[in-house]
């Protein structure tokens, strides 16, 4: 079953929770620029990443639920690679290939190839939380195209753009994604008013992208926002009238995403409170549920446990 078929048939699809905040606060691994990919190239980093990914994938196996799992490549676009010393012309291909292969190997080791889908992740060029300097659609498409194609060539099951602040950059990346044969998902940040950080309403962003790409995303989900704020946004007139928005990778804290990004500690709701909020979203029609900043395997396990309990 491919990713699109899974979405059509499954009542819920989980995602992983946080990667970067766990590397920093749980494993004591400094991760400048949120560049989790860099840990693929040290033994200690690989061991930490493997433990994090196994902890999330185990939930899929334990509960028999499908899961979308992201590669650690949100900050492995060309500018970010150069900032971290990955300046060889082949580094973009090498990093993309290793990231996809790494997640695939963990999936294979756990015998979960039939229910875990590897999402090749592309992040914003400048800042995930501030739209002020975001590229326009033309620059975005041109800039992100190479990383997109490398992730697709490496064997990702889908392409995924989480935590984007500006609709124009998101349109550009959608065009880059649409140039491949893979299904793709977009996950902008959205606030309690139903708007992206650049002021675009979620309804406007969805309409803009769907009307200006050769092949539309499978769906949109919210990224890097607390479920209570996301729920408030859903109720606004700024929200799409259609069912194009299908889920949330939620933060455990209701602090603004940009504030969370600068904290020196993990902040957020306990797993059961978080799961209650996510279950409310599921009851309202949201199918894809997972975590972002401040979440760990306990938060995702609580969502799975809550979903299974409601089925009984």
C-alpha atoms as a PDB file:
ATOM      1  CA  UNK A   1       0.000   0.000   0.000  1.00  0.00           C
ATOM      2  CA  UNK A   2       1.473   3.363  -0.958  1.00  0.00           C
ATOM      3  CA  UNK A   3       1.152   6.557   1.069  1.00  0.00           C
ATOM      4  CA  UNK A   4      -1.893   7.909  -0.755  1.00  0.00           C
ATOM      5  CA  UNK A   5      -3.722   4.582  -0.452  1.00  0.00           C
ATOM      6  CA  UNK A   6      -2.900   4.534   3.256  1.00  0.00           C
ATOM      7  CA  UNK A   7      -4.368   8.005   3.716  1.00  0.00           C
ATOM      8  CA  UNK A   8      -7.547   6.981   1.941  1.00  0.00           C
ATOM      9  CA  UNK A   9      -8.091   3.848   4.016  1.00  0.00           C
ATOM     10  CA  UNK A  10      -6.635   4.511   7.480  1.00  0.00           C
ATOM     11  CA  UNK A  11      -8.762   6.257  10.132  1.00  0.00           C
ATOM     12  CA  UNK A  12      -5.634   7.868  11.598  1.00  0.00           C
ATOM     13  CA  UNK A  13      -2.005   8.341  10.532  1.00  0.00           C
ATOM     14  CA  UNK A  14       0.563   9.146  13.201  1.00  0.00           C
ATOM     15  CA  UNK A  15       3.748  11.146  12.741  1.00  0.00           C
ATOM     16  CA  UNK A  16       6.898  11.255  14.817  1.00  0.00           C
ATOM     17  CA  UNK A  17       7.372  13.838  17.545  1.00  0.00           C
ATOM     18  CA  UNK A  18      10.321  16.156  18.072  1.00  0.00           C
ATOM     19  CA  UNK A  19      13.782  15.239  16.841  1.00  0.00           C
ATOM     20  CA  UNK A  20      15.931  18.321  17.469  1.00  0.00           C
ATOM     21  CA  UNK A  21      14.729  19.143  20.991  1.00  0.00           C
ATOM     22  CA  UNK A  22      15.354  15.534  22.010  1.00  0.00           C
ATOM     23  CA  UNK A  23      18.863  15.563  20.552  1.00  0.00           C
ATOM     24  CA  UNK A  24      19.648  18.698  22.533  1.00  0.00           C
ATOM     25  CA  UNK A  25      17.880  18.150  25.848  1.00  0.00           C
ATOM     26  CA  UNK A  26      17.659  14.362  26.142  1.00  0.00           C
ATOM     27  CA  UNK A  27      20.952  13.336  24.550  1.00  0.00           C
ATOM     28  CA  UNK A  28      23.027  16.447  25.240  1.00  0.00           C
ATOM     29  CA  UNK A  29      23.978  16.920  21.600  1.00  0.00           C
ATOM     30  CA  UNK A  30      24.323  20.560  20.509  1.00  0.00           C
ATOM     31  CA  UNK A  31      22.448  21.018  17.237  1.00  0.00           C
ATOM     32  CA  UNK A  32      23.198  24.472  15.814  1.00  0.00           C
ATOM     33  CA  UNK A  33      20.682  25.802  13.310  1.00  0.00           C
ATOM     34  CA  UNK A  34      18.420  22.813  14.125  1.00  0.00           C
ATOM     35  CA  UNK A  35      20.580  20.848  11.674  1.00  0.00           C
ATOM     36  CA  UNK A  36      19.808  17.330  12.885  1.00  0.00           C
ATOM     37  CA  UNK A  37      21.277  15.833   9.717  1.00  0.00           C
ATOM     38  CA  UNK A  38      24.821  16.596  10.958  1.00  0.00           C
ATOM     39  CA  UNK A  39      24.471  13.870  13.585  1.00  0.00           C
ATOM     40  CA  UNK A  40      24.275  11.258  10.827  1.00  0.00           C
ATOM     41  CA  UNK A  41      28.046  11.655  10.468  1.00  0.00           C
ATOM     42  CA  UNK A  42      29.221  10.798  13.992  1.00  0.00           C
ATOM     43  CA  UNK A  43      28.829   7.557  15.919  1.00  0.00           C
ATOM     44  CA  UNK A  44      27.294   9.244  18.951  1.00  0.00           C
ATOM     45  CA  UNK A  45      24.923  11.220  16.769  1.00  0.00           C
ATOM     46  CA  UNK A  46      23.816   8.178  14.776  1.00  0.00           C
ATOM     47  CA  UNK A  47      23.168   6.226  17.967  1.00  0.00           C
ATOM     48  CA  UNK A  48      21.034   9.059  19.351  1.00  0.00           C
ATOM     49  CA  UNK A  49      19.083   9.457  16.123  1.00  0.00           C
ATOM     50  CA  UNK A  50      18.527   5.702  15.892  1.00  0.00           C
ATOM     51  CA  UNK A  51      17.196   5.596  19.450  1.00  0.00           C
ATOM     52  CA  UNK A  52      14.846   8.511  18.775  1.00  0.00           C
ATOM     53  CA  UNK A  53      13.522   7.030  15.542  1.00  0.00           C
ATOM     54  CA  UNK A  54      13.084   3.573  17.088  1.00  0.00           C
ATOM     55  CA  UNK A  55      11.106   5.069  19.959  1.00  0.00           C
ATOM     56  CA  UNK A  56       8.604   6.565  17.504  1.00  0.00           C
ATOM     57  CA  UNK A  57       8.444   3.642  15.097  1.00  0.00           C
ATOM     58  CA  UNK A  58       7.831   1.240  17.989  1.00  0.00           C
ATOM     59  CA  UNK A  59       4.519   3.005  18.588  1.00  0.00           C
ATOM     60  CA  UNK A  60       3.431   2.248  15.038  1.00  0.00           C
ATOM     61  CA  UNK A  61       4.321  -1.398  15.593  1.00  0.00           C
ATOM     62  CA  UNK A  62       2.782  -1.697  19.057  1.00  0.00           C
ATOM     63  CA  UNK A  63      -0.567  -0.222  18.026  1.00  0.00           C
ATOM     64  CA  UNK A  64      -0.711  -1.349  14.400  1.00  0.00           C
ATOM     65  CA  UNK A  65      -1.121   2.227  13.167  1.00  0.00           C
ATOM     66  CA  UNK A  66       0.504   3.738  10.065  1.00  0.00           C
ATOM     67  CA  UNK A  67       3.054   6.480  10.600  1.00  0.00           C
ATOM     68  CA  UNK A  68       4.642   9.203   8.489  1.00  0.00           C
ATOM     69  CA  UNK A  69       8.266   9.590   9.627  1.00  0.00           C
ATOM     70  CA  UNK A  70      10.401  12.559   8.574  1.00  0.00           C
ATOM     71  CA  UNK A  71      14.029  12.535   7.518  1.00  0.00           C
ATOM     72  CA  UNK A  72      16.311  14.811   9.606  1.00  0.00           C
ATOM     73  CA  UNK A  73      16.821  17.167   6.668  1.00  0.00           C
ATOM     74  CA  UNK A  74      14.842  20.290   7.596  1.00  0.00           C
ATOM     75  CA  UNK A  75      18.150  22.163   7.691  1.00  0.00           C
ATOM     76  CA  UNK A  76      20.151  20.450   4.946  1.00  0.00           C
ATOM     77  CA  UNK A  77      19.446  22.800   2.053  1.00  0.00           C
ATOM     78  CA  UNK A  78      22.522  24.285   0.310  1.00  0.00           C
ATOM     79  CA  UNK A  79      22.923  27.418   2.480  1.00  0.00           C
ATOM     80  CA  UNK A  80      22.625  25.410   5.699  1.00  0.00           C
ATOM     81  CA  UNK A  81      25.080  22.795   4.465  1.00  0.00           C
ATOM     82  CA  UNK A  82      27.700  25.448   3.740  1.00  0.00           C
ATOM     83  CA  UNK A  83      27.212  27.078   7.148  1.00  0.00           C
ATOM     84  CA  UNK A  84      28.054  23.753   8.779  1.00  0.00           C
ATOM     85  CA  UNK A  85      31.069  23.001   6.629  1.00  0.00           C
ATOM     86  CA  UNK A  86      29.417  20.679   4.113  1.00  0.00           C
ATOM     87  CA  UNK A  87      30.743  22.542   1.092  1.00  0.00           C
ATOM     88  CA  UNK A  88      31.679  19.751  -1.301  1.00  0.00           C
ATOM     89  CA  UNK A  89      29.589  19.855  -4.515  1.00  0.00           C
ATOM     90  CA  UNK A  90      28.374  16.316  -3.790  1.00  0.00           C
ATOM     91  CA  UNK A  91      27.330  16.974  -0.188  1.00  0.00           C
ATOM     92  CA  UNK A  92      23.676  17.727  -0.948  1.00  0.00           C
ATOM     93  CA  UNK A  93      23.285  14.382  -2.700  1.00  0.00           C
ATOM     94  CA  UNK A  94      25.318  12.574  -0.027  1.00  0.00           C
ATOM     95  CA  UNK A  95      23.373  14.026   2.904  1.00  0.00           C
ATOM     96  CA  UNK A  96      19.976  13.480   1.269  1.00  0.00           C
ATOM     97  CA  UNK A  97      20.807   9.892   0.366  1.00  0.00           C
ATOM     98  CA  UNK A  98      22.182   9.067   3.806  1.00  0.00           C
ATOM     99  CA  UNK A  99      19.200  10.635   5.588  1.00  0.00           C
ATOM    100  CA  UNK A 100      16.629   8.648   3.625  1.00  0.00           C
ATOM    101  CA  UNK A 101      18.665   5.435   3.868  1.00  0.00           C
ATOM    102  CA  UNK A 102      19.101   5.877   7.622  1.00  0.00           C
ATOM    103  CA  UNK A 103      15.365   6.108   8.289  1.00  0.00           C
ATOM    104  CA  UNK A 104      14.702   3.245   5.873  1.00  0.00           C
ATOM    105  CA  UNK A 105      17.229   1.035   7.698  1.00  0.00           C
ATOM    106  CA  UNK A 106      15.641   1.668  11.085  1.00  0.00           C
ATOM    107  CA  UNK A 107      12.240   0.883   9.561  1.00  0.00           C
ATOM    108  CA  UNK A 108      13.577  -2.336   8.055  1.00  0.00           C
ATOM    109  CA  UNK A 109      15.284  -3.415  11.287  1.00  0.00           C
ATOM    110  CA  UNK A 110      11.931  -3.102  13.049  1.00  0.00           C
ATOM    111  CA  UNK A 111      10.046  -4.981  10.333  1.00  0.00           C
ATOM    112  CA  UNK A 112       7.673  -2.079   9.702  1.00  0.00           C
ATOM    113  CA  UNK A 113       8.086  -1.498   5.971  1.00  0.00           C
ATOM    114  CA  UNK A 114       4.364  -1.969   5.343  1.00  0.00           C
ATOM    115  CA  UNK A 115       3.134   0.758   7.711  1.00  0.00           C
ATOM    116  CA  UNK A 116       5.823   3.426   8.010  1.00  0.00           C
ATOM    117  CA  UNK A 117       6.230   5.990   5.239  1.00  0.00           C
ATOM    118  CA  UNK A 118       9.476   7.938   4.925  1.00  0.00           C
ATOM    119  CA  UNK A 119       8.872  11.646   4.334  1.00  0.00           C
ATOM    120  CA  UNK A 120      11.737  13.473   2.651  1.00  0.00           C
ATOM    121  CA  UNK A 121      11.806  16.822   4.446  1.00  0.00           C
ATOM    122  CA  UNK A 122      12.714  20.204   2.971  1.00  0.00           C
ATOM    123  CA  UNK A 123      12.753  23.240   5.252  1.00  0.00           C
ATOM    124  CA  UNK A 124      12.589  27.006   4.636  1.00  0.00           C
ATOM    125  CA  UNK A 125      15.631  28.775   3.244  1.00  0.00           C
ATOM    126  CA  UNK A 126      15.869  31.501   5.893  1.00  0.00           C
ATOM    127  CA  UNK A 127      13.691  31.169   8.986  1.00  0.00           C
ATOM    128  CA  UNK A 128      10.798  28.903   9.865  1.00  0.00           C
ATOM    129  CA  UNK A 129       9.251  31.446  12.216  1.00  0.00           C
ATOM    130  CA  UNK A 130       9.819  34.851  10.599  1.00  0.00           C
ATOM    131  CA  UNK A 131       8.433  35.583   7.143  1.00  0.00           C
ATOM    132  CA  UNK A 132      10.232  38.920   6.730  1.00  0.00           C
ATOM    133  CA  UNK A 133      13.058  37.625   4.527  1.00  0.00           C
ATOM    134  CA  UNK A 134      11.368  34.601   2.997  1.00  0.00           C
ATOM    135  CA  UNK A 135      12.055  34.102  -0.723  1.00  0.00           C
ATOM    136  CA  UNK A 136       9.359  34.648  -3.316  1.00  0.00           C
ATOM    137  CA  UNK A 137       7.809  31.748  -5.199  1.00  0.00           C
ATOM    138  CA  UNK A 138      10.230  31.898  -8.143  1.00  0.00           C
ATOM    139  CA  UNK A 139      13.355  31.934  -5.954  1.00  0.00           C
ATOM    140  CA  UNK A 140      11.908  29.251  -3.687  1.00  0.00           C
ATOM    141  CA  UNK A 141      11.167  26.861  -6.539  1.00  0.00           C
ATOM    142  CA  UNK A 142      14.615  27.328  -8.036  1.00  0.00           C
ATOM    143  CA  UNK A 143      16.440  27.090  -4.715  1.00  0.00           C
ATOM    144  CA  UNK A 144      14.640  24.053  -3.292  1.00  0.00           C
ATOM    145  CA  UNK A 145      14.434  22.047  -6.514  1.00  0.00           C
ATOM    146  CA  UNK A 146      17.796  20.294  -6.194  1.00  0.00           C
ATOM    147  CA  UNK A 147      17.270  19.079  -2.626  1.00  0.00           C
ATOM    148  CA  UNK A 148      13.769  17.982  -3.571  1.00  0.00           C
ATOM    149  CA  UNK A 149      15.057  15.865  -6.435  1.00  0.00           C
ATOM    150  CA  UNK A 150      17.840  14.356  -4.339  1.00  0.00           C
ATOM    151  CA  UNK A 151      15.364  13.250  -1.658  1.00  0.00           C
ATOM    152  CA  UNK A 152      13.068  11.788  -4.296  1.00  0.00           C
ATOM    153  CA  UNK A 153      15.961   9.961  -5.969  1.00  0.00           C
ATOM    154  CA  UNK A 154      17.060   8.581  -2.594  1.00  0.00           C
ATOM    155  CA  UNK A 155      13.770   6.703  -2.277  1.00  0.00           C
ATOM    156  CA  UNK A 156      11.516   8.748   0.001  1.00  0.00           C
ATOM    157  CA  UNK A 157       7.863   7.678  -0.032  1.00  0.00           C
ATOM    158  CA  UNK A 158       6.624  11.275  -0.033  1.00  0.00           C
ATOM    159  CA  UNK A 159       7.953  14.817   0.188  1.00  0.00           C
ATOM    160  CA  UNK A 160       7.162  17.046   3.139  1.00  0.00           C
ATOM    161  CA  UNK A 161       7.623  20.770   3.842  1.00  0.00           C
ATOM    162  CA  UNK A 162       7.010  21.510   7.549  1.00  0.00           C
ATOM    163  CA  UNK A 163       7.244  24.765   9.511  1.00  0.00           C
ATOM    164  CA  UNK A 164       7.058  27.384   6.766  1.00  0.00           C
ATOM    165  CA  UNK A 165       6.065  30.978   7.607  1.00  0.00           C
ATOM    166  CA  UNK A 166       5.278  32.411   4.162  1.00  0.00           C
ATOM    167  CA  UNK A 167       2.803  31.369   1.486  1.00  0.00           C
ATOM    168  CA  UNK A 168       5.038  32.518  -1.395  1.00  0.00           C
ATOM    169  CA  UNK A 169       7.936  30.291  -0.369  1.00  0.00           C
ATOM    170  CA  UNK A 170       5.500  27.449   0.205  1.00  0.00           C
ATOM    171  CA  UNK A 171       4.118  27.908  -3.315  1.00  0.00           C
ATOM    172  CA  UNK A 172       7.621  27.686  -4.734  1.00  0.00           C
ATOM    173  CA  UNK A 173       8.406  24.513  -2.865  1.00  0.00           C
ATOM    174  CA  UNK A 174       5.063  23.037  -3.915  1.00  0.00           C
ATOM    175  CA  UNK A 175       6.045  23.621  -7.527  1.00  0.00           C
ATOM    176  CA  UNK A 176       9.393  21.928  -6.916  1.00  0.00           C
ATOM    177  CA  UNK A 177       7.649  18.986  -5.252  1.00  0.00           C
ATOM    178  CA  UNK A 178       5.084  18.759  -8.056  1.00  0.00           C
ATOM    179  CA  UNK A 179       7.896  18.336 -10.586  1.00  0.00           C
ATOM    180  CA  UNK A 180       8.624  14.893  -9.092  1.00  0.00           C
ATOM    181  CA  UNK A 181       6.457  11.790  -9.168  1.00  0.00           C
ATOM    182  CA  UNK A 182       6.019  11.676  -5.390  1.00  0.00           C
ATOM    183  CA  UNK A 183       2.978  12.676  -3.340  1.00  0.00           C
ATOM    184  CA  UNK A 184       3.659  15.646  -1.114  1.00  0.00           C
ATOM    185  CA  UNK A 185       2.362  17.379   2.005  1.00  0.00           C
ATOM    186  CA  UNK A 186       2.758  21.008   3.119  1.00  0.00           C
ATOM    187  CA  UNK A 187       2.695  22.088   6.770  1.00  0.00           C
ATOM    188  CA  UNK A 188       2.846  25.852   7.337  1.00  0.00           C
ATOM    189  CA  UNK A 189       2.818  27.397  10.775  1.00  0.00           C
ATOM    190  CA  UNK A 190      -0.653  28.716  11.537  1.00  0.00           C
ATOM    191  CA  UNK A 191      -1.784  30.805  14.508  1.00  0.00           C
ATOM    192  CA  UNK A 192      -4.976  30.964  16.545  1.00  0.00           C
ATOM    193  CA  UNK A 193      -6.384  33.417  14.018  1.00  0.00           C
ATOM    194  CA  UNK A 194      -6.008  30.895  11.206  1.00  0.00           C
ATOM    195  CA  UNK A 195      -3.132  32.787   9.578  1.00  0.00           C
ATOM    196  CA  UNK A 196       0.467  32.097   8.600  1.00  0.00           C
ATOM    197  CA  UNK A 197       3.199  34.335  10.075  1.00  0.00           C
ATOM    198  CA  UNK A 198       3.200  36.397   6.843  1.00  0.00           C
ATOM    199  CA  UNK A 199      -0.455  37.306   7.469  1.00  0.00           C
ATOM    200  CA  UNK A 200      -1.901  35.065   4.753  1.00  0.00           C
ATOM    201  CA  UNK A 201      -5.001  33.204   5.884  1.00  0.00           C
ATOM    202  CA  UNK A 202      -4.877  29.432   5.708  1.00  0.00           C
ATOM    203  CA  UNK A 203      -7.759  29.565   3.217  1.00  0.00           C
ATOM    204  CA  UNK A 204      -5.814  31.964   0.977  1.00  0.00           C
ATOM    205  CA  UNK A 205      -2.655  29.855   1.193  1.00  0.00           C
ATOM    206  CA  UNK A 206      -4.487  26.662   0.249  1.00  0.00           C
ATOM    207  CA  UNK A 207      -6.280  28.342  -2.660  1.00  0.00           C
ATOM    208  CA  UNK A 208      -3.076  30.018  -3.877  1.00  0.00           C
ATOM    209  CA  UNK A 209      -1.145  26.769  -3.985  1.00  0.00           C
ATOM    210  CA  UNK A 210      -3.897  24.545  -5.368  1.00  0.00           C
ATOM    211  CA  UNK A 211      -4.525  27.031  -8.198  1.00  0.00           C
ATOM    212  CA  UNK A 212      -0.887  27.541  -9.178  1.00  0.00           C
ATOM    213  CA  UNK A 213       0.800  24.131  -9.217  1.00  0.00           C
ATOM    214  CA  UNK A 214       0.777  21.422 -11.861  1.00  0.00           C
ATOM    215  CA  UNK A 215      -0.086  18.812  -9.236  1.00  0.00           C
ATOM    216  CA  UNK A 216      -1.638  19.652  -5.875  1.00  0.00           C
ATOM    217  CA  UNK A 217      -0.430  18.407  -2.503  1.00  0.00           C
ATOM    218  CA  UNK A 218      -2.187  15.370  -1.103  1.00  0.00           C
ATOM    219  CA  UNK A 219      -3.263  17.653   1.731  1.00  0.00           C
ATOM    220  CA  UNK A 220      -2.034  20.320   4.121  1.00  0.00           C
ATOM    221  CA  UNK A 221      -1.435  19.964   7.839  1.00  0.00           C
ATOM    222  CA  UNK A 222      -0.537  22.464  10.541  1.00  0.00           C
ATOM    223  CA  UNK A 223       3.049  22.546  11.739  1.00  0.00           C
ATOM    224  CA  UNK A 224       4.791  23.691  14.923  1.00  0.00           C
ATOM    225  CA  UNK A 225       1.718  25.101  16.692  1.00  0.00           C
ATOM    226  CA  UNK A 226      -0.041  24.089  19.900  1.00  0.00           C
ATOM    227  CA  UNK A 227      -3.229  22.081  19.283  1.00  0.00           C
ATOM    228  CA  UNK A 228      -5.343  24.559  21.243  1.00  0.00           C
ATOM    229  CA  UNK A 229      -4.215  27.405  18.972  1.00  0.00           C
ATOM    230  CA  UNK A 230      -4.710  25.218  15.921  1.00  0.00           C
ATOM    231  CA  UNK A 231      -8.245  24.377  17.040  1.00  0.00           C
ATOM    232  CA  UNK A 232      -8.989  28.083  17.431  1.00  0.00           C
ATOM    233  CA  UNK A 233      -7.713  28.688  13.906  1.00  0.00           C
ATOM    234  CA  UNK A 234      -9.948  25.952  12.504  1.00  0.00           C
ATOM    235  CA  UNK A 235     -12.974  27.826  13.862  1.00  0.00           C
ATOM    236  CA  UNK A 236     -12.065  31.084  12.104  1.00  0.00           C
ATOM    237  CA  UNK A 237     -13.494  32.409   8.844  1.00  0.00           C
ATOM    238  CA  UNK A 238      -9.876  32.488   7.639  1.00  0.00           C
ATOM    239  CA  UNK A 239      -9.898  28.675   7.539  1.00  0.00           C
ATOM    240  CA  UNK A 240     -10.528  26.724   4.294  1.00  0.00           C
ATOM    241  CA  UNK A 241     -14.127  25.650   3.788  1.00  0.00           C
ATOM    242  CA  UNK A 242     -12.924  22.448   2.128  1.00  0.00           C
ATOM    243  CA  UNK A 243     -11.281  19.513   3.908  1.00  0.00           C
ATOM    244  CA  UNK A 244      -7.848  20.278   2.462  1.00  0.00           C
ATOM    245  CA  UNK A 245      -6.275  20.575   5.919  1.00  0.00           C
ATOM    246  CA  UNK A 246      -6.022  17.097   7.378  1.00  0.00           C
ATOM    247  CA  UNK A 247      -3.935  17.188  10.539  1.00  0.00           C
ATOM    248  CA  UNK A 248      -1.334  18.674  12.852  1.00  0.00           C
ATOM    249  CA  UNK A 249       2.197  18.129  14.056  1.00  0.00           C
ATOM    250  CA  UNK A 250       1.619  19.970  17.299  1.00  0.00           C
ATOM    251  CA  UNK A 251       3.861  21.621  19.870  1.00  0.00           C
ATOM    252  CA  UNK A 252       3.562  20.516  23.478  1.00  0.00           C
ATOM    253  CA  UNK A 253       3.636  24.143  24.674  1.00  0.00           C
ATOM    254  CA  UNK A 254       1.261  26.981  23.865  1.00  0.00           C
ATOM    255  CA  UNK A 255       4.132  29.489  23.740  1.00  0.00           C
ATOM    256  CA  UNK A 256       4.691  31.078  20.304  1.00  0.00           C
ATOM    257  CA  UNK A 257       6.892  28.885  18.067  1.00  0.00           C
ATOM    258  CA  UNK A 258       9.605  31.522  17.770  1.00  0.00           C
ATOM    259  CA  UNK A 259       9.819  31.795  21.575  1.00  0.00           C
ATOM    260  CA  UNK A 260       9.985  28.023  21.958  1.00  0.00           C
ATOM    261  CA  UNK A 261      12.818  27.864  19.462  1.00  0.00           C
ATOM    262  CA  UNK A 262      14.963  30.069  21.698  1.00  0.00           C
ATOM    263  CA  UNK A 263      14.366  28.307  25.027  1.00  0.00           C
ATOM    264  CA  UNK A 264      17.128  26.421  26.834  1.00  0.00           C
ATOM    265  CA  UNK A 265      14.673  23.867  28.219  1.00  0.00           C
ATOM    266  CA  UNK A 266      11.795  21.676  27.075  1.00  0.00           C
ATOM    267  CA  UNK A 267       8.404  23.273  27.681  1.00  0.00           C
ATOM    268  CA  UNK A 268       4.942  21.802  27.295  1.00  0.00           C
ATOM    269  CA  UNK A 269       1.850  19.871  28.316  1.00  0.00           C
ATOM    270  CA  UNK A 270       2.098  16.401  29.751  1.00  0.00           C
ATOM    271  CA  UNK A 271       1.415  13.607  27.247  1.00  0.00           C
ATOM    272  CA  UNK A 272      -2.145  12.851  28.365  1.00  0.00           C
ATOM    273  CA  UNK A 273      -3.255  16.489  28.138  1.00  0.00           C
ATOM    274  CA  UNK A 274      -1.622  16.747  24.722  1.00  0.00           C
ATOM    275  CA  UNK A 275      -3.349  13.549  23.568  1.00  0.00           C
ATOM    276  CA  UNK A 276      -6.732  14.839  24.762  1.00  0.00           C
ATOM    277  CA  UNK A 277      -6.307  17.964  22.640  1.00  0.00           C
ATOM    278  CA  UNK A 278      -5.217  15.951  19.610  1.00  0.00           C
ATOM    279  CA  UNK A 279      -8.133  13.536  20.061  1.00  0.00           C
ATOM    280  CA  UNK A 280     -10.484  16.512  19.911  1.00  0.00           C
ATOM    281  CA  UNK A 281      -8.949  17.476  16.573  1.00  0.00           C
ATOM    282  CA  UNK A 282      -9.373  13.919  15.325  1.00  0.00           C
ATOM    283  CA  UNK A 283     -13.042  13.974  16.302  1.00  0.00           C
ATOM    284  CA  UNK A 284     -13.362  17.103  14.159  1.00  0.00           C
ATOM    285  CA  UNK A 285     -11.985  15.349  11.088  1.00  0.00           C
ATOM    286  CA  UNK A 286      -8.213  15.682  11.397  1.00  0.00           C
ATOM    287  CA  UNK A 287      -6.564  12.404  10.389  1.00  0.00           C
ATOM    288  CA  UNK A 288      -2.788  13.010  10.599  1.00  0.00           C
ATOM    289  CA  UNK A 289      -1.653  13.500  14.192  1.00  0.00           C
ATOM    290  CA  UNK A 290       1.820  13.904  15.653  1.00  0.00           C
ATOM    291  CA  UNK A 291       4.224  16.125  17.508  1.00  0.00           C
ATOM    292  CA  UNK A 292       6.739  18.894  17.044  1.00  0.00           C
ATOM    293  CA  UNK A 293       8.631  21.027  19.593  1.00  0.00           C
ATOM    294  CA  UNK A 294       8.626  19.686  23.148  1.00  0.00           C
ATOM    295  CA  UNK A 295       7.073  16.327  22.326  1.00  0.00           C
ATOM    296  CA  UNK A 296       8.651  12.895  22.658  1.00  0.00           C
ATOM    297  CA  UNK A 297       7.595   9.280  22.264  1.00  0.00           C
ATOM    298  CA  UNK A 298       5.340   9.534  25.322  1.00  0.00           C
ATOM    299  CA  UNK A 299       3.187  12.163  23.606  1.00  0.00           C
ATOM    300  CA  UNK A 300       2.841  10.105  20.423  1.00  0.00           C
ATOM    301  CA  UNK A 301       2.164   6.930  22.402  1.00  0.00           C
ATOM    302  CA  UNK A 302      -0.564   8.747  24.334  1.00  0.00           C
ATOM    303  CA  UNK A 303      -2.241   9.734  21.039  1.00  0.00           C
ATOM    304  CA  UNK A 304      -2.116   6.131  19.815  1.00  0.00           C
ATOM    305  CA  UNK A 305      -3.409   4.794  23.116  1.00  0.00           C
ATOM    306  CA  UNK A 306      -6.256   7.296  23.118  1.00  0.00           C
ATOM    307  CA  UNK A 307      -7.237   6.398  19.552  1.00  0.00           C
ATOM    308  CA  UNK A 308      -7.241   2.649  20.217  1.00  0.00           C
ATOM    309  CA  UNK A 309      -9.256   3.121  23.430  1.00  0.00           C
ATOM    310  CA  UNK A 310     -11.904   5.112  21.555  1.00  0.00           C
ATOM    311  CA  UNK A 311     -12.269   2.307  19.007  1.00  0.00           C
ATOM    312  CA  UNK A 312     -12.982  -0.337  21.660  1.00  0.00           C
END
